[in-house]
Amino acid sequence: MPKRLLSGIVVSANSNKTIVVKVTRRVKHKLYRKIISLSKKYHAHDEKNEFNVGDSVSIIETRPYSKLKTWIAVSNSGEEQWFKCNQIYLLLIILGLEKYNV
């Protein structure tokens, strides 16, 4: 079974090696057919204490670390987006250079 991957915002980082991540999802109400936002808080394991309040993070389901922690913080979503944009930019430069060399 694949591991679930969620992304959210850190709302608490007071505990040692533990962060609380708020994940918000948008769903349509069954009766009123209106889009509503539902949010849930997950306790995630942060081995290096690298995430602070307000950071956007991705969490992945894992083995239980404690009574409440069954998720682990994987990466900072902002850095991931920046890295993907740079890869696309470099690819465009390479394609552009190949176009002029041919």
PDB file of N, CA and C in Angstrom:
ATOM      1  N   MET A   1       0.845  -1.181   0.000  1.00  0.00           N
ATOM      2  CA  MET A   1       0.000   0.000   0.000  1.00  0.00           C
ATOM      3  C   MET A   1       0.887   1.240   0.000  1.00  0.00           C
ATOM      4  N   PRO A   2       0.608   2.215  -0.886  1.00  0.00           N
ATOM      5  CA  PRO A   2       1.453   3.410  -0.937  1.00  0.00           C
ATOM      6  C   PRO A   2       1.250   4.310   0.281  1.00  0.00           C
ATOM      7  N   LYS A   3       2.289   5.021   0.606  1.00  0.00           N
ATOM      8  CA  LYS A   3       2.241   5.956   1.731  1.00  0.00           C
ATOM      9  C   LYS A   3       1.509   7.225   1.300  1.00  0.00           C
ATOM     10  N   ARG A   4       0.690   7.758   2.192  1.00  0.00           N
ATOM     11  CA  ARG A   4      -0.014   8.999   1.891  1.00  0.00           C
ATOM     12  C   ARG A   4       0.943  10.175   2.034  1.00  0.00           C
ATOM     13  N   LEU A   5       0.818  11.149   1.168  1.00  0.00           N
ATOM     14  CA  LEU A   5       1.643  12.347   1.186  1.00  0.00           C
ATOM     15  C   LEU A   5       0.725  13.558   1.254  1.00  0.00           C
ATOM     16  N   LEU A   6       0.906  14.391   2.293  1.00  0.00           N
ATOM     17  CA  LEU A   6       0.087  15.579   2.485  1.00  0.00           C
ATOM     18  C   LEU A   6       0.993  16.798   2.608  1.00  0.00           C
ATOM     19  N   SER A   7       0.446  17.956   2.329  1.00  0.00           N
ATOM     20  CA  SER A   7       1.212  19.186   2.519  1.00  0.00           C
ATOM     21  C   SER A   7       0.367  20.174   3.310  1.00  0.00           C
ATOM     22  N   GLY A   8       1.042  20.931   4.157  1.00  0.00           N
ATOM     23  CA  GLY A   8       0.336  21.879   5.005  1.00  0.00           C
ATOM     24  C   GLY A   8       1.281  22.893   5.598  1.00  0.00           C
ATOM     25  N   ILE A   9       0.806  23.602   6.611  1.00  0.00           N
ATOM     26  CA  ILE A   9       1.565  24.680   7.250  1.00  0.00           C
ATOM     27  C   ILE A   9       1.819  24.312   8.706  1.00  0.00           C
ATOM     28  N   VAL A  10       3.039  24.558   9.170  1.00  0.00           N
ATOM     29  CA  VAL A  10       3.404  24.270  10.556  1.00  0.00           C
ATOM     30  C   VAL A  10       2.735  25.301  11.461  1.00  0.00           C
ATOM     31  N   VAL A  11       1.970  24.820  12.450  1.00  0.00           N
ATOM     32  CA  VAL A  11       1.301  25.720  13.385  1.00  0.00           C
ATOM     33  C   VAL A  11       1.948  25.696  14.757  1.00  0.00           C
ATOM     34  N   SER A  12       2.754  24.663  15.049  1.00  0.00           N
ATOM     35  CA  SER A  12       3.443  24.592  16.324  1.00  0.00           C
ATOM     36  C   SER A  12       4.733  23.811  16.165  1.00  0.00           C
ATOM     37  N   ALA A  13       5.803  24.350  16.774  1.00  0.00           N
ATOM     38  CA  ALA A  13       7.095  23.670  16.755  1.00  0.00           C
ATOM     39  C   ALA A  13       7.732  23.747  18.138  1.00  0.00           C
ATOM     40  N   ASN A  14       6.916  23.741  19.182  1.00  0.00           N
ATOM     41  CA  ASN A  14       7.410  23.904  20.548  1.00  0.00           C
ATOM     42  C   ASN A  14       8.060  22.647  21.097  1.00  0.00           C
ATOM     43  N   SER A  15       7.577  21.481  20.700  1.00  0.00           N
ATOM     44  CA  SER A  15       8.117  20.234  21.232  1.00  0.00           C
ATOM     45  C   SER A  15       9.424  19.859  20.546  1.00  0.00           C
ATOM     46  N   ASN A  16      10.226  19.053  21.235  1.00  0.00           N
ATOM     47  CA  ASN A  16      11.485  18.594  20.674  1.00  0.00           C
ATOM     48  C   ASN A  16      11.222  17.479  19.666  1.00  0.00           C
ATOM     49  N   LYS A  17      11.705  17.627  18.445  1.00  0.00           N
ATOM     50  CA  LYS A  17      11.571  16.660  17.351  1.00  0.00           C
ATOM     51  C   LYS A  17      10.128  16.408  16.932  1.00  0.00           C
ATOM     52  N   THR A  18       9.222  17.324  17.234  1.00  0.00           N
ATOM     53  CA  THR A  18       7.821  17.180  16.858  1.00  0.00           C
ATOM     54  C   THR A  18       7.284  18.510  16.354  1.00  0.00           C
ATOM     55  N   ILE A  19       6.545  18.464  15.248  1.00  0.00           N
ATOM     56  CA  ILE A  19       5.846  19.650  14.753  1.00  0.00           C
ATOM     57  C   ILE A  19       4.378  19.288  14.565  1.00  0.00           C
ATOM     58  N   VAL A  20       3.544  20.303  14.592  1.00  0.00           N
ATOM     59  CA  VAL A  20       2.121  20.126  14.330  1.00  0.00           C
ATOM     60  C   VAL A  20       1.833  20.816  13.000  1.00  0.00           C
ATOM     61  N   VAL A  21       1.293  20.045  12.051  1.00  0.00           N
ATOM     62  CA  VAL A  21       1.042  20.545  10.703  1.00  0.00           C
ATOM     63  C   VAL A  21      -0.455  20.612  10.477  1.00  0.00           C
ATOM     64  N   LYS A  22      -0.934  21.763   9.998  1.00  0.00           N
ATOM     65  CA  LYS A  22      -2.349  21.947   9.691  1.00  0.00           C
ATOM     66  C   LYS A  22      -2.545  21.743   8.193  1.00  0.00           C
ATOM     67  N   VAL A  23      -3.336  20.724   7.841  1.00  0.00           N
ATOM     68  CA  VAL A  23      -3.610  20.401   6.442  1.00  0.00           C
ATOM     69  C   VAL A  23      -5.037  20.829   6.131  1.00  0.00           C
ATOM     70  N   THR A  24      -5.194  21.670   5.118  1.00  0.00           N
ATOM     71  CA  THR A  24      -6.509  22.178   4.733  1.00  0.00           C
ATOM     72  C   THR A  24      -6.906  21.575   3.398  1.00  0.00           C
ATOM     73  N   ARG A  25      -8.142  21.100   3.308  1.00  0.00           N
ATOM     74  CA  ARG A  25      -8.644  20.582   2.039  1.00  0.00           C
ATOM     75  C   ARG A  25     -10.008  21.197   1.757  1.00  0.00           C
ATOM     76  N   ARG A  26     -10.345  21.288   0.485  1.00  0.00           N
ATOM     77  CA  ARG A  26     -11.608  21.889   0.077  1.00  0.00           C
ATOM     78  C   ARG A  26     -12.526  20.809  -0.464  1.00  0.00           C
ATOM     79  N   VAL A  27     -13.744  20.768   0.064  1.00  0.00           N
ATOM     80  CA  VAL A  27     -14.724  19.766  -0.361  1.00  0.00           C
ATOM     81  C   VAL A  27     -16.060  20.436  -0.628  1.00  0.00           C
ATOM     82  N   LYS A  28     -16.898  19.764  -1.386  1.00  0.00           N
ATOM     83  CA  LYS A  28     -18.238  20.266  -1.661  1.00  0.00           C
ATOM     84  C   LYS A  28     -19.210  19.681  -0.640  1.00  0.00           C
ATOM     85  N   HIS A  29     -20.032  20.525  -0.027  1.00  0.00           N
ATOM     86  CA  HIS A  29     -21.016  20.090   0.948  1.00  0.00           C
ATOM     87  C   HIS A  29     -22.073  19.238   0.250  1.00  0.00           C
ATOM     88  N   LYS A  30     -22.464  18.129   0.887  1.00  0.00           N
ATOM     89  CA  LYS A  30     -23.396  17.206   0.242  1.00  0.00           C
ATOM     90  C   LYS A  30     -24.763  17.832  -0.030  1.00  0.00           C
ATOM     91  N   LEU A  31     -25.287  18.538   0.947  1.00  0.00           N
ATOM     92  CA  LEU A  31     -26.643  19.080   0.822  1.00  0.00           C
ATOM     93  C   LEU A  31     -26.653  20.424   0.108  1.00  0.00           C
ATOM     94  N   TYR A  32     -25.780  21.347   0.515  1.00  0.00           N
ATOM     95  CA  TYR A  32     -25.845  22.712   0.016  1.00  0.00           C
ATOM     96  C   TYR A  32     -25.000  22.953  -1.232  1.00  0.00           C
ATOM     97  N   ARG A  33     -24.157  21.989  -1.616  1.00  0.00           N
ATOM     98  CA  ARG A  33     -23.329  22.082  -2.822  1.00  0.00           C
ATOM     99  C   ARG A  33     -22.407  23.298  -2.819  1.00  0.00           C
ATOM    100  N   LYS A  34     -21.998  23.710  -1.627  1.00  0.00           N
ATOM    101  CA  LYS A  34     -21.102  24.846  -1.487  1.00  0.00           C
ATOM    102  C   LYS A  34     -19.705  24.324  -1.132  1.00  0.00           C
ATOM    103  N   ILE A  35     -18.674  24.937  -1.684  1.00  0.00           N
ATOM    104  CA  ILE A  35     -17.310  24.536  -1.383  1.00  0.00           C
ATOM    105  C   ILE A  35     -16.944  25.045   0.005  1.00  0.00           C
ATOM    106  N   ILE A  36     -16.498  24.122   0.877  1.00  0.00           N
ATOM    107  CA  ILE A  36     -16.089  24.506   2.230  1.00  0.00           C
ATOM    108  C   ILE A  36     -14.667  24.009   2.479  1.00  0.00           C
ATOM    109  N   SER A  37     -13.976  24.668   3.388  1.00  0.00           N
ATOM    110  CA  SER A  37     -12.616  24.277   3.746  1.00  0.00           C
ATOM    111  C   SER A  37     -12.637  23.485   5.049  1.00  0.00           C
ATOM    112  N   LEU A  38     -12.049  22.307   5.026  1.00  0.00           N
ATOM    113  CA  LEU A  38     -11.912  21.487   6.217  1.00  0.00           C
ATOM    114  C   LEU A  38     -10.430  21.373   6.536  1.00  0.00           C
ATOM    115  N   SER A  39     -10.085  21.485   7.803  1.00  0.00           N
ATOM    116  CA  SER A  39      -8.683  21.383   8.174  1.00  0.00           C
ATOM    117  C   SER A  39      -8.517  20.383   9.309  1.00  0.00           C
ATOM    118  N   LYS A  40      -7.332  19.786   9.348  1.00  0.00           N
ATOM    119  CA  LYS A  40      -7.017  18.809  10.372  1.00  0.00           C
ATOM    120  C   LYS A  40      -5.558  18.986  10.751  1.00  0.00           C
ATOM    121  N   LYS A  41      -5.239  18.738  12.025  1.00  0.00           N
ATOM    122  CA  LYS A  41      -3.867  18.871  12.506  1.00  0.00           C
ATOM    123  C   LYS A  41      -3.239  17.498  12.662  1.00  0.00           C
ATOM    124  N   TYR A  42      -1.998  17.384  12.198  1.00  0.00           N
ATOM    125  CA  TYR A  42      -1.243  16.143  12.300  1.00  0.00           C
ATOM    126  C   TYR A  42       0.049  16.407  13.055  1.00  0.00           C
ATOM    127  N   HIS A  43       0.420  15.502  13.960  1.00  0.00           N
ATOM    128  CA  HIS A  43       1.703  15.558  14.641  1.00  0.00           C
ATOM    129  C   HIS A  43       2.704  14.817  13.767  1.00  0.00           C
ATOM    130  N   ALA A  44       3.821  15.467  13.454  1.00  0.00           N
ATOM    131  CA  ALA A  44       4.822  14.872  12.571  1.00  0.00           C
ATOM    132  C   ALA A  44       6.185  14.883  13.243  1.00  0.00           C
ATOM    133  N   HIS A  45       7.001  13.885  12.916  1.00  0.00           N
ATOM    134  CA  HIS A  45       8.345  13.748  13.460  1.00  0.00           C
ATOM    135  C   HIS A  45       9.301  14.631  12.660  1.00  0.00           C
ATOM    136  N   ASP A  46      10.073  15.457  13.356  1.00  0.00           N
ATOM    137  CA  ASP A  46      11.065  16.347  12.744  1.00  0.00           C
ATOM    138  C   ASP A  46      12.396  16.094  13.434  1.00  0.00           C
ATOM    139  N   GLU A  47      13.202  15.222  12.875  1.00  0.00           N
ATOM    140  CA  GLU A  47      14.424  14.746  13.527  1.00  0.00           C
ATOM    141  C   GLU A  47      15.403  15.863  13.845  1.00  0.00           C
ATOM    142  N   LYS A  48      15.604  16.811  12.936  1.00  0.00           N
ATOM    143  CA  LYS A  48      16.631  17.848  13.109  1.00  0.00           C
ATOM    144  C   LYS A  48      16.077  19.172  13.633  1.00  0.00           C
ATOM    145  N   ASN A  49      14.807  19.233  13.967  1.00  0.00           N
ATOM    146  CA  ASN A  49      14.162  20.478  14.415  1.00  0.00           C
ATOM    147  C   ASN A  49      14.409  21.616  13.427  1.00  0.00           C
ATOM    148  N   GLU A  50      14.222  21.329  12.130  1.00  0.00           N
ATOM    149  CA  GLU A  50      14.542  22.310  11.097  1.00  0.00           C
ATOM    150  C   GLU A  50      13.363  23.161  10.655  1.00  0.00           C
ATOM    151  N   PHE A  51      12.133  22.801  11.026  1.00  0.00           N
ATOM    152  CA  PHE A  51      10.967  23.548  10.577  1.00  0.00           C
ATOM    153  C   PHE A  51      10.452  24.465  11.679  1.00  0.00           C
ATOM    154  N   ASN A  52       9.996  25.653  11.277  1.00  0.00           N
ATOM    155  CA  ASN A  52       9.482  26.654  12.207  1.00  0.00           C
ATOM    156  C   ASN A  52       8.019  26.934  11.903  1.00  0.00           C
ATOM    157  N   VAL A  53       7.380  27.672  12.788  1.00  0.00           N
ATOM    158  CA  VAL A  53       5.978  28.037  12.611  1.00  0.00           C
ATOM    159  C   VAL A  53       5.829  28.878  11.343  1.00  0.00           C
ATOM    160  N   GLY A  54       4.845  28.515  10.517  1.00  0.00           N
ATOM    161  CA  GLY A  54       4.572  29.240   9.286  1.00  0.00           C
ATOM    162  C   GLY A  54       5.196  28.628   8.049  1.00  0.00           C
ATOM    163  N   ASP A  55       6.067  27.648   8.200  1.00  0.00           N
ATOM    164  CA  ASP A  55       6.697  26.996   7.047  1.00  0.00           C
ATOM    165  C   ASP A  55       5.701  26.069   6.355  1.00  0.00           C
ATOM    166  N   SER A  56       5.803  25.988   5.027  1.00  0.00           N
ATOM    167  CA  SER A  56       5.027  25.020   4.264  1.00  0.00           C
ATOM    168  C   SER A  56       5.843  23.741   4.170  1.00  0.00           C
ATOM    169  N   VAL A  57       5.266  22.625   4.604  1.00  0.00           N
ATOM    170  CA  VAL A  57       5.994  21.359   4.618  1.00  0.00           C
ATOM    171  C   VAL A  57       5.145  20.252   4.002  1.00  0.00           C
ATOM    172  N   SER A  58       5.827  19.184   3.599  1.00  0.00           N
ATOM    173  CA  SER A  58       5.165  17.968   3.151  1.00  0.00           C
ATOM    174  C   SER A  58       5.396  16.903   4.212  1.00  0.00           C
ATOM    175  N   ILE A  59       4.363  16.123   4.493  1.00  0.00           N
ATOM    176  CA  ILE A  59       4.506  15.047   5.468  1.00  0.00           C
ATOM    177  C   ILE A  59       4.097  13.740   4.799  1.00  0.00           C
ATOM    178  N   ILE A  60       4.724  12.649   5.225  1.00  0.00           N
ATOM    179  CA  ILE A  60       4.443  11.334   4.660  1.00  0.00           C
ATOM    180  C   ILE A  60       4.129  10.368   5.798  1.00  0.00           C
ATOM    181  N   GLU A  61       3.212   9.465   5.517  1.00  0.00           N
ATOM    182  CA  GLU A  61       2.788   8.479   6.505  1.00  0.00           C
ATOM    183  C   GLU A  61       3.920   7.476   6.755  1.00  0.00           C
ATOM    184  N   THR A  62       4.111   7.100   8.004  1.00  0.00           N
ATOM    185  CA  THR A  62       5.195   6.196   8.362  1.00  0.00           C
ATOM    186  C   THR A  62       4.795   5.356   9.567  1.00  0.00           C
ATOM    187  N   ARG A  63       5.744   4.597  10.092  1.00  0.00           N
ATOM    188  CA  ARG A  63       5.479   3.769  11.264  1.00  0.00           C
ATOM    189  C   ARG A  63       5.206   4.681  12.467  1.00  0.00           C
ATOM    190  N   PRO A  64       4.527   4.200  13.494  1.00  0.00           N
ATOM    191  CA  PRO A  64       4.273   5.034  14.665  1.00  0.00           C
ATOM    192  C   PRO A  64       5.554   5.349  15.440  1.00  0.00           C
ATOM    193  N   TYR A  65       5.812   6.628  15.654  1.00  0.00           N
ATOM    194  CA  TYR A  65       6.936   7.057  16.482  1.00  0.00           C
ATOM    195  C   TYR A  65       6.507   7.198  17.932  1.00  0.00           C
ATOM    196  N   SER A  66       5.242   7.504  18.152  1.00  0.00           N
ATOM    197  CA  SER A  66       4.698   7.624  19.503  1.00  0.00           C
ATOM    198  C   SER A  66       3.179   7.463  19.405  1.00  0.00           C
ATOM    199  N   LYS A  67       2.489   7.796  20.470  1.00  0.00           N
ATOM    200  CA  LYS A  67       1.029   7.656  20.486  1.00  0.00           C
ATOM    201  C   LYS A  67       0.364   8.512  19.410  1.00  0.00           C
ATOM    202  N   LEU A  68       0.849   9.727  19.216  1.00  0.00           N
ATOM    203  CA  LEU A  68       0.240  10.649  18.265  1.00  0.00           C
ATOM    204  C   LEU A  68       0.991  10.773  16.936  1.00  0.00           C
ATOM    205  N   LYS A  69       2.292  10.491  16.925  1.00  0.00           N
ATOM    206  CA  LYS A  69       3.106  10.735  15.724  1.00  0.00           C
ATOM    207  C   LYS A  69       3.164   9.502  14.826  1.00  0.00           C
ATOM    208  N   THR A  70       2.461   9.570  13.697  1.00  0.00           N
ATOM    209  CA  THR A  70       2.560   8.529  12.673  1.00  0.00           C
ATOM    210  C   THR A  70       2.904   9.143  11.321  1.00  0.00           C
ATOM    211  N   TRP A  71       3.422  10.375  11.338  1.00  0.00           N
ATOM    212  CA  TRP A  71       3.825  11.093  10.130  1.00  0.00           C
ATOM    213  C   TRP A  71       5.240  11.607  10.333  1.00  0.00           C
ATOM    214  N   ILE A  72       5.949  11.818   9.226  1.00  0.00           N
ATOM    215  CA  ILE A  72       7.298  12.367   9.296  1.00  0.00           C
ATOM    216  C   ILE A  72       7.393  13.519   8.289  1.00  0.00           C
ATOM    217  N   ALA A  73       8.047  14.602   8.708  1.00  0.00           N
ATOM    218  CA  ALA A  73       8.228  15.767   7.841  1.00  0.00           C
ATOM    219  C   ALA A  73       9.289  15.439   6.796  1.00  0.00           C
ATOM    220  N   VAL A  74       8.937  15.610   5.526  1.00  0.00           N
ATOM    221  CA  VAL A  74       9.825  15.202   4.448  1.00  0.00           C
ATOM    222  C   VAL A  74      10.629  16.368   3.914  1.00  0.00           C
ATOM    223  N   SER A  75       9.970  17.403   3.468  1.00  0.00           N
ATOM    224  CA  SER A  75      10.695  18.507   2.849  1.00  0.00           C
ATOM    225  C   SER A  75       9.908  19.792   2.966  1.00  0.00           C
ATOM    226  N   ASN A  76      10.607  20.878   2.703  1.00  0.00           N
ATOM    227  CA  ASN A  76       9.971  22.183   2.679  1.00  0.00           C
ATOM    228  C   ASN A  76       9.459  22.417   1.269  1.00  0.00           C
ATOM    229  N   SER A  77       8.155  22.599   1.108  1.00  0.00           N
ATOM    230  CA  SER A  77       7.545  22.698  -0.218  1.00  0.00           C
ATOM    231  C   SER A  77       8.063  23.885  -1.008  1.00  0.00           C
ATOM    232  N   GLY A  78       8.384  24.980  -0.349  1.00  0.00           N
ATOM    233  CA  GLY A  78       8.888  26.152  -1.055  1.00  0.00           C
ATOM    234  C   GLY A  78      10.211  25.887  -1.734  1.00  0.00           C
ATOM    235  N   GLU A  79      11.122  25.197  -1.044  1.00  0.00           N
ATOM    236  CA  GLU A  79      12.410  24.865  -1.640  1.00  0.00           C
ATOM    237  C   GLU A  79      12.228  23.918  -2.816  1.00  0.00           C
ATOM    238  N   GLU A  80      11.272  22.982  -2.704  1.00  0.00           N
ATOM    239  CA  GLU A  80      11.022  22.033  -3.773  1.00  0.00           C
ATOM    240  C   GLU A  80      10.554  22.765  -5.033  1.00  0.00           C
ATOM    241  N   GLN A  81       9.639  23.726  -4.892  1.00  0.00           N
ATOM    242  CA  GLN A  81       9.152  24.484  -6.032  1.00  0.00           C
ATOM    243  C   GLN A  81      10.275  25.290  -6.664  1.00  0.00           C
ATOM    244  N   TRP A  82      11.128  25.894  -5.854  1.00  0.00           N
ATOM    245  CA  TRP A  82      12.237  26.680  -6.368  1.00  0.00           C
ATOM    246  C   TRP A  82      13.168  25.797  -7.183  1.00  0.00           C
ATOM    247  N   PHE A  83      13.450  24.588  -6.684  1.00  0.00           N
ATOM    248  CA  PHE A  83      14.336  23.655  -7.373  1.00  0.00           C
ATOM    249  C   PHE A  83      13.735  23.244  -8.714  1.00  0.00           C
ATOM    250  N   LYS A  84      12.423  22.961  -8.762  1.00  0.00           N
ATOM    251  CA  LYS A  84      11.768  22.571 -10.014  1.00  0.00           C
ATOM    252  C   LYS A  84      11.816  23.706 -11.027  1.00  0.00           C
ATOM    253  N   CYS A  85      11.591  24.944 -10.590  1.00  0.00           N
ATOM    254  CA  CYS A  85      11.643  26.091 -11.498  1.00  0.00           C
ATOM    255  C   CYS A  85      13.043  26.253 -12.083  1.00  0.00           C
ATOM    256  N   ASN A  86      14.070  26.075 -11.259  1.00  0.00           N
ATOM    257  CA  ASN A  86      15.436  26.183 -11.756  1.00  0.00           C
ATOM    258  C   ASN A  86      15.753  25.086 -12.758  1.00  0.00           C
ATOM    259  N   GLN A  87      15.255  23.878 -12.536  1.00  0.00           N
ATOM    260  CA  GLN A  87      15.475  22.794 -13.489  1.00  0.00           C
ATOM    261  C   GLN A  87      14.849  23.120 -14.837  1.00  0.00           C
ATOM    262  N   ILE A  88      13.639  23.643 -14.830  1.00  0.00           N
ATOM    263  CA  ILE A  88      12.960  24.009 -16.074  1.00  0.00           C
ATOM    264  C   ILE A  88      13.726  25.125 -16.775  1.00  0.00           C
ATOM    265  N   TYR A  89      14.183  26.110 -16.033  1.00  0.00           N
ATOM    266  CA  TYR A  89      14.934  27.216 -16.605  1.00  0.00           C
ATOM    267  C   TYR A  89      16.219  26.721 -17.263  1.00  0.00           C
ATOM    268  N   LEU A  90      16.953  25.826 -16.581  1.00  0.00           N
ATOM    269  CA  LEU A  90      18.176  25.274 -17.158  1.00  0.00           C
ATOM    270  C   LEU A  90      17.881  24.451 -18.409  1.00  0.00           C
ATOM    271  N   LEU A  91      16.787  23.714 -18.388  1.00  0.00           N
ATOM    272  CA  LEU A  91      16.409  22.928 -19.554  1.00  0.00           C
ATOM    273  C   LEU A  91      16.113  23.830 -20.746  1.00  0.00           C
ATOM    274  N   LEU A  92      15.418  24.925 -20.510  1.00  0.00           N
ATOM    275  CA  LEU A  92      15.126  25.862 -21.593  1.00  0.00           C
ATOM    276  C   LEU A  92      16.405  26.482 -22.156  1.00  0.00           C
ATOM    277  N   ILE A  93      17.344  26.787 -21.292  1.00  0.00           N
ATOM    278  CA  ILE A  93      18.620  27.339 -21.752  1.00  0.00           C
ATOM    279  C   ILE A  93      19.346  26.317 -22.635  1.00  0.00           C
ATOM    280  N   ILE A  94      19.380  25.052 -22.188  1.00  0.00           N
ATOM    281  CA  ILE A  94      20.058  24.011 -22.961  1.00  0.00           C
ATOM    282  C   ILE A  94      19.381  23.822 -24.312  1.00  0.00           C
ATOM    283  N   LEU A  95      18.066  23.764 -24.322  1.00  0.00           N
ATOM    284  CA  LEU A  95      17.328  23.601 -25.583  1.00  0.00           C
ATOM    285  C   LEU A  95      17.567  24.790 -26.509  1.00  0.00           C
ATOM    286  N   GLY A  96      17.618  25.971 -25.913  1.00  0.00           N
ATOM    287  CA  GLY A  96      17.875  27.172 -26.715  1.00  0.00           C
ATOM    288  C   GLY A  96      19.254  27.140 -27.340  1.00  0.00           C
ATOM    289  N   LEU A  97      20.255  26.708 -26.582  1.00  0.00           N
ATOM    290  CA  LEU A  97      21.627  26.624 -27.101  1.00  0.00           C
ATOM    291  C   LEU A  97      21.729  25.544 -28.179  1.00  0.00           C
ATOM    292  N   GLU A  98      21.042  24.405 -27.977  1.00  0.00           N
ATOM    293  CA  GLU A  98      21.081  23.370 -28.984  1.00  0.00           C
ATOM    294  C   GLU A  98      20.407  23.836 -30.264  1.00  0.00           C
ATOM    295  N   LYS A  99      19.381  24.632 -30.133  1.00  0.00           N
ATOM    296  CA  LYS A  99      18.661  25.129 -31.296  1.00  0.00           C
ATOM    297  C   LYS A  99      19.568  26.006 -32.162  1.00  0.00           C
ATOM    298  N   TYR A 100      20.375  26.845 -31.529  1.00  0.00           N
ATOM    299  CA  TYR A 100      21.256  27.744 -32.280  1.00  0.00           C
ATOM    300  C   TYR A 100      22.468  27.007 -32.842  1.00  0.00           C
ATOM    301  N   ASN A 101      22.892  25.908 -32.237  1.00  0.00           N
ATOM    302  CA  ASN A 101      24.049  25.162 -32.725  1.00  0.00           C
ATOM    303  C   ASN A 101      23.712  24.302 -33.934  1.00  0.00           C
ATOM    304  N   VAL A 102      22.440  23.941 -34.108  1.00  0.00           N
ATOM    305  CA  VAL A 102      22.059  23.049 -35.225  1.00  0.00           C
ATOM    306  C   VAL A 102      21.946  23.754 -36.504  1.00  0.00           C
TER     307      VAL A 102
END
